[in-house]
Every structure is written in structure tokens, then in C-alpha cells.
Amino acid sequence: MDKLNQYRHIIRQLLTQKATIKPIGGDIEPETIFDEKADRYLLVHLGWHEQKRIYACILHLEIRDEKIWIQHNQTDQSITEELMENGIPKTDIVLGLQPSYVREYLSA
């Protein structure tokens, strides 16, 4: 499996696993969105809590220039650590949720 397909597989696997955890409270469902053409991958929570509509992006990952960009992480877990545990080198993880002038000082 080439690098790009391996990264896609790992991201799909991680998000699918996280989508098995149902949020507490309300009638809220986790939903995965995989756009392999644009290499964008999301986990969202969708539903209702009492009279309030819930739509929340929990995780947003992208693949750009053969690197995984973490665009949004609303979990209490380190997605960077999970990606590295699955064989993604630290050098191929970009913290897109941080400004570019800060990224060079952070270790993924």
C-alpha cells in the first residue's frame, strides 16, 4: 500500500472507531464524512438535545502534500499521538489548527 492510501486508511479507521462512541445526552449521532477526492475527513455530531439542534465538528483532518493536517480537534485525546501510534511519522503531521508562525516551534 502506498503512503497516500495508507494515510487514508489510518484516518478512516481512527474516525470510524471514534464514531462508535455515542455522545451523552440528547438524541445525538456521530457521523463520519470521508471525501477521498479532496482528502478531507470529518467526524461530526448531529441531532437534538431537548429543543436545541446540535451540529458540531469534532475532528477535521486533511491530507495535503502527503502530510496529515489536523484542522480541528474537539476531543480530549491527542490525535497526533494516535496517528504516530499508527505509524505516521511526526514529520508528516501538521498542526493546521495553529497559526503558521507558531507551528515551527511546536512538536506535532
N, C-alpha and C. Protein backbone atom coordinates (compact mmCIF):
# COMPACT_ATOMS: atom_id res chain seq x y z
N MET A 1 0.85 -1.18 0.00
CA MET A 1 0.00 0.00 0.00
C MET A 1 0.90 1.24 0.00
N ASP A 2 0.64 2.16 -0.93
CA ASP A 2 1.46 3.36 -0.98
C ASP A 2 1.12 4.31 0.17
N LYS A 3 1.96 5.29 0.37
CA LYS A 3 1.87 6.19 1.51
C LYS A 3 0.50 6.88 1.60
N LEU A 4 0.02 7.43 0.49
CA LEU A 4 -1.24 8.16 0.50
C LEU A 4 -2.41 7.26 0.87
N ASN A 5 -2.46 6.08 0.30
CA ASN A 5 -3.53 5.14 0.63
C ASN A 5 -3.43 4.65 2.06
N GLN A 6 -2.20 4.48 2.54
CA GLN A 6 -2.01 4.08 3.94
C GLN A 6 -2.54 5.17 4.88
N TYR A 7 -2.24 6.43 4.59
CA TYR A 7 -2.70 7.53 5.42
C TYR A 7 -4.23 7.61 5.40
N ARG A 8 -4.83 7.46 4.22
CA ARG A 8 -6.29 7.47 4.11
C ARG A 8 -6.90 6.35 4.96
N HIS A 9 -6.30 5.18 4.87
CA HIS A 9 -6.81 4.02 5.63
C HIS A 9 -6.74 4.28 7.13
N ILE A 10 -5.62 4.81 7.60
CA ILE A 10 -5.44 5.07 9.03
C ILE A 10 -6.45 6.12 9.51
N ILE A 11 -6.63 7.18 8.75
CA ILE A 11 -7.59 8.23 9.13
C ILE A 11 -9.00 7.66 9.18
N ARG A 12 -9.40 6.92 8.14
CA ARG A 12 -10.75 6.32 8.13
C ARG A 12 -10.95 5.42 9.33
N GLN A 13 -9.94 4.62 9.64
CA GLN A 13 -10.02 3.69 10.76
C GLN A 13 -10.18 4.44 12.09
N LEU A 14 -9.39 5.48 12.30
CA LEU A 14 -9.46 6.26 13.55
C LEU A 14 -10.83 6.93 13.70
N LEU A 15 -11.30 7.58 12.64
CA LEU A 15 -12.57 8.28 12.74
C LEU A 15 -13.74 7.31 12.89
N THR A 16 -13.67 6.19 12.20
CA THR A 16 -14.73 5.18 12.32
C THR A 16 -14.78 4.64 13.74
N GLN A 17 -13.63 4.41 14.33
CA GLN A 17 -13.57 3.93 15.72
C GLN A 17 -14.16 4.96 16.67
N LYS A 18 -13.82 6.24 16.49
CA LYS A 18 -14.33 7.29 17.36
C LYS A 18 -15.84 7.48 17.18
N ALA A 19 -16.35 7.19 16.00
CA ALA A 19 -17.78 7.34 15.72
C ALA A 19 -18.62 6.27 16.42
N THR A 20 -18.00 5.25 16.97
CA THR A 20 -18.76 4.23 17.70
C THR A 20 -19.13 4.70 19.10
N ILE A 21 -18.54 5.80 19.53
CA ILE A 21 -18.82 6.33 20.87
C ILE A 21 -19.97 7.34 20.76
N LYS A 22 -21.11 6.96 21.31
CA LYS A 22 -22.29 7.82 21.25
C LYS A 22 -22.18 8.92 22.30
N PRO A 23 -22.41 10.18 21.89
CA PRO A 23 -22.37 11.29 22.85
C PRO A 23 -23.44 11.15 23.94
N ILE A 24 -23.12 11.68 25.10
CA ILE A 24 -24.04 11.62 26.24
C ILE A 24 -25.06 12.76 26.10
N GLY A 25 -26.32 12.44 26.37
CA GLY A 25 -27.36 13.46 26.38
C GLY A 25 -27.96 13.71 25.01
N GLY A 26 -29.25 13.76 24.97
CA GLY A 26 -29.94 14.08 23.74
C GLY A 26 -29.93 12.94 22.75
N ASP A 27 -30.50 13.22 21.61
CA ASP A 27 -30.55 12.26 20.52
C ASP A 27 -29.51 12.68 19.49
N ILE A 28 -28.25 12.42 19.81
CA ILE A 28 -27.12 12.89 19.00
C ILE A 28 -26.36 11.69 18.46
N GLU A 29 -26.09 11.74 17.16
CA GLU A 29 -25.38 10.65 16.49
C GLU A 29 -24.05 11.13 15.95
N PRO A 30 -23.00 10.33 16.12
CA PRO A 30 -21.74 10.64 15.46
C PRO A 30 -21.86 10.27 13.97
N GLU A 31 -21.27 11.07 13.12
CA GLU A 31 -21.32 10.82 11.69
C GLU A 31 -19.94 11.09 11.09
N THR A 32 -19.46 10.16 10.27
CA THR A 32 -18.18 10.35 9.60
C THR A 32 -18.43 10.85 8.18
N ILE A 33 -17.54 11.70 7.72
CA ILE A 33 -17.60 12.21 6.35
C ILE A 33 -16.22 12.01 5.75
N PHE A 34 -16.17 11.18 4.71
CA PHE A 34 -14.89 10.88 4.06
C PHE A 34 -14.94 11.36 2.61
N ASP A 35 -14.19 12.40 2.29
CA ASP A 35 -14.08 12.90 0.93
C ASP A 35 -12.69 12.57 0.43
N GLU A 36 -12.55 11.40 -0.16
CA GLU A 36 -11.22 10.96 -0.59
C GLU A 36 -10.73 11.69 -1.83
N LYS A 37 -11.64 12.27 -2.59
CA LYS A 37 -11.22 13.03 -3.77
C LYS A 37 -10.45 14.29 -3.35
N ALA A 38 -10.98 14.97 -2.33
CA ALA A 38 -10.32 16.19 -1.82
C ALA A 38 -9.46 15.89 -0.59
N ASP A 39 -9.47 14.63 -0.13
CA ASP A 39 -8.71 14.20 1.06
C ASP A 39 -9.07 15.02 2.30
N ARG A 40 -10.39 15.10 2.55
CA ARG A 40 -10.91 15.74 3.76
C ARG A 40 -11.73 14.72 4.53
N TYR A 41 -11.51 14.67 5.85
CA TYR A 41 -12.13 13.65 6.68
C TYR A 41 -12.64 14.31 7.96
N LEU A 42 -13.92 14.09 8.25
CA LEU A 42 -14.53 14.74 9.41
C LEU A 42 -15.32 13.75 10.25
N LEU A 43 -15.39 14.07 11.53
CA LEU A 43 -16.30 13.41 12.46
C LEU A 43 -17.16 14.53 13.02
N VAL A 44 -18.48 14.41 12.84
CA VAL A 44 -19.39 15.42 13.35
C VAL A 44 -20.42 14.76 14.27
N HIS A 45 -20.98 15.56 15.15
CA HIS A 45 -22.11 15.13 15.98
C HIS A 45 -23.32 15.89 15.47
N LEU A 46 -24.41 15.14 15.28
CA LEU A 46 -25.60 15.67 14.64
C LEU A 46 -26.83 15.17 15.36
N GLY A 47 -27.77 16.06 15.66
CA GLY A 47 -29.01 15.62 16.30
C GLY A 47 -29.66 16.72 17.11
N TRP A 48 -30.35 16.29 18.18
CA TRP A 48 -31.11 17.22 19.02
C TRP A 48 -30.86 16.94 20.49
N HIS A 49 -30.81 18.00 21.27
CA HIS A 49 -30.80 17.92 22.73
C HIS A 49 -31.90 18.83 23.21
N GLU A 50 -32.96 18.19 23.75
CA GLU A 50 -34.19 18.91 24.12
C GLU A 50 -34.69 19.66 22.88
N GLN A 51 -34.80 20.97 22.93
CA GLN A 51 -35.30 21.75 21.79
C GLN A 51 -34.17 22.39 20.97
N LYS A 52 -32.94 21.98 21.25
CA LYS A 52 -31.79 22.62 20.60
C LYS A 52 -31.17 21.70 19.55
N ARG A 53 -30.96 22.22 18.37
CA ARG A 53 -30.30 21.49 17.29
C ARG A 53 -28.81 21.42 17.59
N ILE A 54 -28.24 20.23 17.42
CA ILE A 54 -26.81 20.03 17.64
C ILE A 54 -26.14 19.70 16.32
N TYR A 55 -25.15 20.47 15.97
CA TYR A 55 -24.27 20.15 14.85
C TYR A 55 -22.90 20.63 15.26
N ALA A 56 -21.98 19.69 15.44
CA ALA A 56 -20.65 20.06 15.91
C ALA A 56 -19.59 19.26 15.17
N CYS A 57 -18.60 19.96 14.66
CA CYS A 57 -17.44 19.29 14.06
C CYS A 57 -16.53 18.88 15.22
N ILE A 58 -16.31 17.58 15.35
CA ILE A 58 -15.49 17.05 16.43
C ILE A 58 -14.03 16.91 15.98
N LEU A 59 -13.85 16.35 14.79
CA LEU A 59 -12.50 16.19 14.22
C LEU A 59 -12.52 16.54 12.74
N HIS A 60 -11.49 17.22 12.30
CA HIS A 60 -11.34 17.54 10.88
C HIS A 60 -9.87 17.32 10.52
N LEU A 61 -9.64 16.32 9.68
CA LEU A 61 -8.29 16.01 9.21
C LEU A 61 -8.25 16.14 7.70
N GLU A 62 -7.11 16.53 7.16
CA GLU A 62 -6.92 16.62 5.72
C GLU A 62 -5.56 16.03 5.36
N ILE A 63 -5.44 15.59 4.13
CA ILE A 63 -4.13 15.19 3.60
C ILE A 63 -3.78 16.22 2.53
N ARG A 64 -2.63 16.87 2.75
CA ARG A 64 -2.11 17.86 1.81
C ARG A 64 -0.64 17.58 1.60
N ASP A 65 -0.22 17.51 0.36
CA ASP A 65 1.19 17.29 0.04
C ASP A 65 1.77 16.12 0.82
N GLU A 66 0.99 15.03 0.90
CA GLU A 66 1.38 13.79 1.57
C GLU A 66 1.66 13.96 3.07
N LYS A 67 1.02 14.95 3.67
CA LYS A 67 1.09 15.14 5.12
C LYS A 67 -0.33 15.21 5.65
N ILE A 68 -0.50 14.78 6.90
CA ILE A 68 -1.81 14.85 7.54
C ILE A 68 -1.89 16.15 8.32
N TRP A 69 -2.89 16.94 7.97
CA TRP A 69 -3.14 18.22 8.63
C TRP A 69 -4.26 18.04 9.63
N ILE A 70 -4.03 18.38 10.88
CA ILE A 70 -5.07 18.38 11.90
C ILE A 70 -5.67 19.79 11.89
N GLN A 71 -6.86 19.91 11.33
CA GLN A 71 -7.51 21.21 11.20
C GLN A 71 -8.37 21.56 12.42
N HIS A 72 -8.89 20.51 13.08
CA HIS A 72 -9.76 20.76 14.24
C HIS A 72 -9.79 19.50 15.09
N ASN A 73 -9.67 19.66 16.39
CA ASN A 73 -9.76 18.54 17.32
C ASN A 73 -10.53 18.99 18.56
N GLN A 74 -11.77 18.54 18.65
CA GLN A 74 -12.62 18.90 19.76
C GLN A 74 -12.74 17.74 20.76
N THR A 75 -11.78 16.82 20.72
CA THR A 75 -11.78 15.70 21.65
C THR A 75 -10.79 16.00 22.77
N ASP A 76 -10.79 15.15 23.77
CA ASP A 76 -9.82 15.31 24.85
C ASP A 76 -8.62 14.38 24.65
N GLN A 77 -8.49 13.86 23.44
CA GLN A 77 -7.40 12.94 23.12
C GLN A 77 -6.44 13.59 22.13
N SER A 78 -5.20 13.19 22.20
CA SER A 78 -4.19 13.70 21.27
C SER A 78 -4.25 12.91 19.97
N ILE A 79 -4.77 13.53 18.94
CA ILE A 79 -4.85 12.87 17.64
C ILE A 79 -3.45 12.68 17.09
N THR A 80 -2.56 13.60 17.40
CA THR A 80 -1.16 13.46 16.98
C THR A 80 -0.58 12.15 17.51
N GLU A 81 -0.78 11.90 18.80
CA GLU A 81 -0.26 10.67 19.41
C GLU A 81 -0.89 9.42 18.75
N GLU A 82 -2.18 9.47 18.51
CA GLU A 82 -2.86 8.33 17.90
C GLU A 82 -2.36 8.08 16.49
N LEU A 83 -2.11 9.15 15.73
CA LEU A 83 -1.58 8.98 14.38
C LEU A 83 -0.19 8.36 14.43
N MET A 84 0.65 8.84 15.35
CA MET A 84 2.00 8.30 15.47
C MET A 84 1.97 6.84 15.92
N GLU A 85 1.05 6.48 16.82
CA GLU A 85 0.92 5.09 17.25
C GLU A 85 0.52 4.18 16.09
N ASN A 86 -0.09 4.77 15.07
CA ASN A 86 -0.50 4.01 13.89
C ASN A 86 0.51 4.08 12.76
N GLY A 87 1.71 4.58 13.06
CA GLY A 87 2.80 4.53 12.09
C GLY A 87 3.03 5.79 11.28
N ILE A 88 2.32 6.88 11.57
CA ILE A 88 2.54 8.13 10.85
C ILE A 88 3.73 8.84 11.48
N PRO A 89 4.77 9.16 10.71
CA PRO A 89 5.91 9.88 11.29
C PRO A 89 5.51 11.29 11.73
N LYS A 90 6.10 11.75 12.80
CA LYS A 90 5.83 13.07 13.35
C LYS A 90 6.03 14.16 12.29
N THR A 91 6.99 13.95 11.41
CA THR A 91 7.29 14.93 10.37
C THR A 91 6.18 15.03 9.32
N ASP A 92 5.26 14.07 9.30
CA ASP A 92 4.15 14.08 8.34
C ASP A 92 2.84 14.52 8.98
N ILE A 93 2.92 15.13 10.17
CA ILE A 93 1.73 15.63 10.85
C ILE A 93 1.89 17.15 11.01
N VAL A 94 0.89 17.88 10.54
CA VAL A 94 0.92 19.35 10.60
C VAL A 94 -0.24 19.81 11.47
N LEU A 95 0.05 20.67 12.42
CA LEU A 95 -0.98 21.22 13.29
C LEU A 95 -1.61 22.43 12.61
N GLY A 96 -2.52 22.16 11.69
CA GLY A 96 -3.17 23.22 10.94
C GLY A 96 -4.03 24.12 11.80
N LEU A 97 -4.38 23.64 12.99
CA LEU A 97 -5.20 24.43 13.89
C LEU A 97 -4.38 25.49 14.61
N GLN A 98 -3.09 25.52 14.40
CA GLN A 98 -2.21 26.54 14.97
C GLN A 98 -1.77 27.49 13.85
N PRO A 99 -1.56 28.76 14.16
CA PRO A 99 -1.07 29.70 13.14
C PRO A 99 0.29 29.25 12.61
N SER A 100 0.57 29.55 11.34
CA SER A 100 1.80 29.08 10.71
C SER A 100 3.05 29.58 11.44
N TYR A 101 3.02 30.78 12.00
CA TYR A 101 4.20 31.30 12.69
C TYR A 101 4.47 30.57 14.01
N VAL A 102 3.48 29.83 14.53
CA VAL A 102 3.64 29.08 15.78
C VAL A 102 4.05 27.64 15.51
N ARG A 103 3.60 27.09 14.38
CA ARG A 103 3.82 25.66 14.09
C ARG A 103 5.28 25.26 14.14
N GLU A 104 6.18 26.11 13.68
CA GLU A 104 7.59 25.74 13.63
C GLU A 104 8.19 25.54 15.03
N TYR A 105 7.56 26.09 16.05
CA TYR A 105 8.06 25.96 17.42
C TYR A 105 7.41 24.81 18.18
N LEU A 106 6.38 24.22 17.58
CA LEU A 106 5.67 23.14 18.24
C LEU A 106 6.12 21.81 17.67
N SER A 107 6.21 20.84 18.53
CA SER A 107 6.40 19.49 18.03
C SER A 107 5.01 18.90 17.87
N ALA A 108 4.79 18.24 16.75
CA ALA A 108 3.47 17.66 16.50
C ALA A 108 3.13 16.73 17.61
